[in-house]
N, C-alpha and C. Protein backbone atom coordinates (compact mmCIF):
# COMPACT_ATOMS: atom_id res chain seq x y z
N UNK A 1 99.90 93.35 109.31
CA UNK A 1 100.89 92.48 108.74
C UNK A 1 100.68 91.03 109.21
N UNK A 2 100.43 90.84 110.50
CA UNK A 2 100.18 89.48 111.00
C UNK A 2 98.91 88.91 110.38
N UNK A 3 97.93 89.75 110.17
CA UNK A 3 96.67 89.29 109.57
C UNK A 3 96.92 88.83 108.14
N UNK A 4 97.70 89.59 107.39
CA UNK A 4 98.02 89.20 106.01
C UNK A 4 98.79 87.88 105.98
N UNK A 5 99.74 87.73 106.90
CA UNK A 5 100.52 86.50 106.96
C UNK A 5 99.63 85.31 107.32
N UNK A 6 98.75 85.50 108.31
CA UNK A 6 97.84 84.42 108.71
C UNK A 6 96.91 84.05 107.57
N UNK A 7 96.44 85.04 106.84
CA UNK A 7 95.55 84.77 105.70
C UNK A 7 96.30 84.01 104.60
N UNK A 8 97.56 84.34 104.39
CA UNK A 8 98.38 83.61 103.41
C UNK A 8 98.54 82.15 103.84
N UNK A 9 98.77 81.91 105.10
CA UNK A 9 98.87 80.54 105.62
C UNK A 9 97.55 79.81 105.40
N UNK A 10 96.43 80.47 105.74
CA UNK A 10 95.11 79.86 105.60
C UNK A 10 94.84 79.45 104.16
N UNK A 11 95.13 80.35 103.23
CA UNK A 11 94.89 80.05 101.81
C UNK A 11 95.80 78.94 101.31
N UNK A 12 97.06 78.93 101.76
CA UNK A 12 97.99 77.88 101.34
C UNK A 12 97.50 76.51 101.80
N UNK A 13 97.07 76.42 103.04
CA UNK A 13 96.58 75.15 103.56
C UNK A 13 95.29 74.73 102.87
N UNK A 14 94.42 75.69 102.60
CA UNK A 14 93.17 75.39 101.91
C UNK A 14 93.43 74.81 100.52
N UNK A 15 94.50 75.23 99.87
CA UNK A 15 94.81 74.77 98.52
C UNK A 15 95.67 73.51 98.48
N UNK A 16 96.03 72.97 99.63
CA UNK A 16 96.81 71.74 99.66
C UNK A 16 95.97 70.57 99.16
N UNK A 17 96.61 69.65 98.52
CA UNK A 17 95.95 68.44 98.05
C UNK A 17 96.46 67.29 98.92
N UNK A 18 95.68 66.91 99.91
CA UNK A 18 96.08 65.85 100.83
C UNK A 18 95.45 64.54 100.38
N UNK A 19 96.29 63.53 100.24
CA UNK A 19 95.82 62.21 99.82
C UNK A 19 95.90 61.26 101.01
N UNK A 20 94.84 60.49 101.22
CA UNK A 20 94.82 59.47 102.25
C UNK A 20 94.00 58.30 101.74
N UNK A 21 94.62 57.12 101.67
CA UNK A 21 93.94 55.93 101.13
C UNK A 21 93.31 56.22 99.77
N UNK A 22 94.07 56.85 98.90
CA UNK A 22 93.62 57.17 97.53
C UNK A 22 92.43 58.11 97.48
N UNK A 23 92.20 58.86 98.53
CA UNK A 23 91.12 59.85 98.54
C UNK A 23 91.71 61.22 98.83
N UNK A 24 91.16 62.23 98.15
CA UNK A 24 91.57 63.60 98.44
C UNK A 24 90.78 64.09 99.65
N UNK A 25 91.49 64.66 100.60
CA UNK A 25 90.87 65.16 101.82
C UNK A 25 91.03 66.67 101.86
N UNK A 26 89.93 67.41 101.96
CA UNK A 26 90.05 68.87 102.06
C UNK A 26 90.73 69.27 103.38
N UNK A 27 91.56 70.30 103.31
CA UNK A 27 92.24 70.79 104.51
C UNK A 27 91.91 72.26 104.71
N UNK A 28 91.70 72.61 105.95
CA UNK A 28 91.44 74.00 106.30
C UNK A 28 92.13 74.31 107.63
N UNK A 29 92.21 75.58 107.94
CA UNK A 29 92.78 76.00 109.22
C UNK A 29 92.06 77.27 109.67
N UNK A 30 91.84 77.36 110.95
CA UNK A 30 91.32 78.58 111.57
C UNK A 30 92.44 79.16 112.41
N UNK A 31 92.55 80.49 112.41
CA UNK A 31 93.65 81.15 113.10
C UNK A 31 93.10 82.30 113.94
N UNK A 32 93.56 82.37 115.19
CA UNK A 32 93.21 83.48 116.07
C UNK A 32 94.44 84.33 116.33
N UNK A 33 94.27 85.65 116.26
CA UNK A 33 95.39 86.59 116.42
C UNK A 33 95.06 87.60 117.51
N UNK A 34 96.05 87.94 118.29
CA UNK A 34 95.95 89.00 119.29
C UNK A 34 97.14 89.93 119.15
N UNK A 35 96.90 91.20 119.18
CA UNK A 35 97.98 92.19 119.14
C UNK A 35 98.65 92.22 120.50
N UNK A 36 99.97 92.10 120.51
CA UNK A 36 100.70 92.12 121.77
C UNK A 36 100.74 93.55 122.30
N UNK A 37 100.29 93.69 123.52
CA UNK A 37 100.27 95.00 124.17
C UNK A 37 101.49 95.14 125.08
N UNK A 38 102.12 96.30 125.06
CA UNK A 38 103.28 96.54 125.92
C UNK A 38 102.83 96.40 127.37
N UNK A 39 103.56 95.60 128.12
CA UNK A 39 103.26 95.39 129.53
C UNK A 39 102.22 94.32 129.81
N UNK A 40 101.64 93.76 128.78
CA UNK A 40 100.61 92.72 128.98
C UNK A 40 101.27 91.40 129.37
N UNK A 41 100.55 90.64 130.15
CA UNK A 41 101.01 89.31 130.52
C UNK A 41 100.86 88.36 129.33
N UNK A 42 101.84 87.49 129.13
CA UNK A 42 101.78 86.53 128.03
C UNK A 42 100.53 85.67 128.14
N UNK A 43 100.17 85.28 129.35
CA UNK A 43 98.99 84.42 129.54
C UNK A 43 97.72 85.12 129.05
N UNK A 44 97.62 86.41 129.26
CA UNK A 44 96.45 87.17 128.80
C UNK A 44 96.44 87.30 127.29
N UNK A 45 97.60 87.53 126.70
CA UNK A 45 97.72 87.61 125.25
C UNK A 45 97.31 86.29 124.60
N UNK A 46 97.79 85.18 125.15
CA UNK A 46 97.43 83.86 124.62
C UNK A 46 95.95 83.56 124.81
N UNK A 47 95.40 83.99 125.93
CA UNK A 47 93.96 83.79 126.18
C UNK A 47 93.14 84.53 125.13
N UNK A 48 93.52 85.73 124.79
CA UNK A 48 92.80 86.50 123.77
C UNK A 48 92.92 85.85 122.39
N UNK A 49 94.11 85.38 122.05
CA UNK A 49 94.28 84.67 120.77
C UNK A 49 93.43 83.41 120.73
N UNK A 50 93.32 82.73 121.86
CA UNK A 50 92.49 81.53 121.95
C UNK A 50 91.01 81.86 121.76
N UNK A 51 90.57 82.96 122.35
CA UNK A 51 89.18 83.40 122.16
C UNK A 51 88.92 83.65 120.68
N UNK A 52 89.85 84.33 120.02
CA UNK A 52 89.70 84.62 118.59
C UNK A 52 89.67 83.33 117.78
N UNK A 53 90.52 82.37 118.13
CA UNK A 53 90.55 81.08 117.44
C UNK A 53 89.21 80.36 117.54
N UNK A 54 88.65 80.28 118.74
CA UNK A 54 87.38 79.58 118.90
C UNK A 54 86.24 80.32 118.23
N UNK A 55 86.33 81.64 118.15
CA UNK A 55 85.32 82.39 117.39
C UNK A 55 85.42 82.04 115.91
N UNK A 56 86.63 81.91 115.41
CA UNK A 56 86.83 81.52 114.00
C UNK A 56 86.21 80.15 113.74
N UNK A 57 86.38 79.23 114.67
CA UNK A 57 85.79 77.90 114.51
C UNK A 57 84.27 77.96 114.57
N UNK A 58 83.72 78.76 115.48
CA UNK A 58 82.26 78.89 115.58
C UNK A 58 81.66 79.52 114.33
N UNK A 59 82.43 80.36 113.66
CA UNK A 59 81.93 81.06 112.47
C UNK A 59 82.10 80.25 111.19
N UNK A 60 82.28 78.96 111.30
CA UNK A 60 82.33 78.11 110.13
C UNK A 60 83.70 77.61 109.76
N UNK A 61 84.69 77.92 110.55
CA UNK A 61 86.06 77.46 110.32
C UNK A 61 86.68 78.05 109.06
N UNK A 62 87.94 77.72 108.85
CA UNK A 62 88.67 78.18 107.67
C UNK A 62 88.65 79.70 107.51
N UNK A 63 88.94 80.40 108.61
CA UNK A 63 89.05 81.86 108.53
C UNK A 63 90.01 82.37 109.60
N UNK A 64 90.29 83.65 109.53
CA UNK A 64 91.21 84.31 110.45
C UNK A 64 90.42 85.33 111.25
N UNK A 65 90.60 85.31 112.56
CA UNK A 65 89.97 86.30 113.45
C UNK A 65 91.05 86.96 114.29
N UNK A 66 90.87 88.23 114.57
CA UNK A 66 91.76 88.88 115.51
C UNK A 66 90.95 89.41 116.68
N UNK A 67 91.56 89.39 117.84
CA UNK A 67 90.90 89.81 119.07
C UNK A 67 91.03 91.30 119.24
N UNK A 68 89.92 91.94 119.55
CA UNK A 68 89.90 93.34 119.96
C UNK A 68 88.92 93.45 121.11
N UNK A 69 88.84 94.61 121.72
CA UNK A 69 87.86 94.82 122.78
C UNK A 69 86.45 94.91 122.20
N UNK A 70 86.38 95.14 120.90
CA UNK A 70 85.10 95.20 120.20
C UNK A 70 84.77 93.79 119.69
N UNK A 71 83.60 93.60 119.09
CA UNK A 71 83.31 92.28 118.52
C UNK A 71 84.41 91.84 117.56
N UNK A 72 84.68 90.56 117.54
CA UNK A 72 85.79 90.03 116.74
C UNK A 72 85.59 90.27 115.26
N UNK A 73 86.68 90.57 114.59
CA UNK A 73 86.64 90.84 113.16
C UNK A 73 86.95 89.57 112.38
N UNK A 74 86.35 89.45 111.22
CA UNK A 74 86.55 88.29 110.36
C UNK A 74 87.21 88.72 109.06
N UNK A 75 88.14 87.92 108.57
CA UNK A 75 88.82 88.21 107.31
C UNK A 75 88.60 87.10 106.35
């Protein structure tokens, strides 16, 4: 569900028409997601989401990644 919501946000931002000084500027967003584990420290959860975010940026930006113990998944 979070992945679907993040993908909806990504697509909405990608389709925005941003004007600056009479020029259209493309907009994109990369999103990192981590599943909250019962008993996990918030700092660890945020660290995992951050890892997923930077992986999304390394993979060309404008995508959603979620953190798992396995290699990161791309949507």
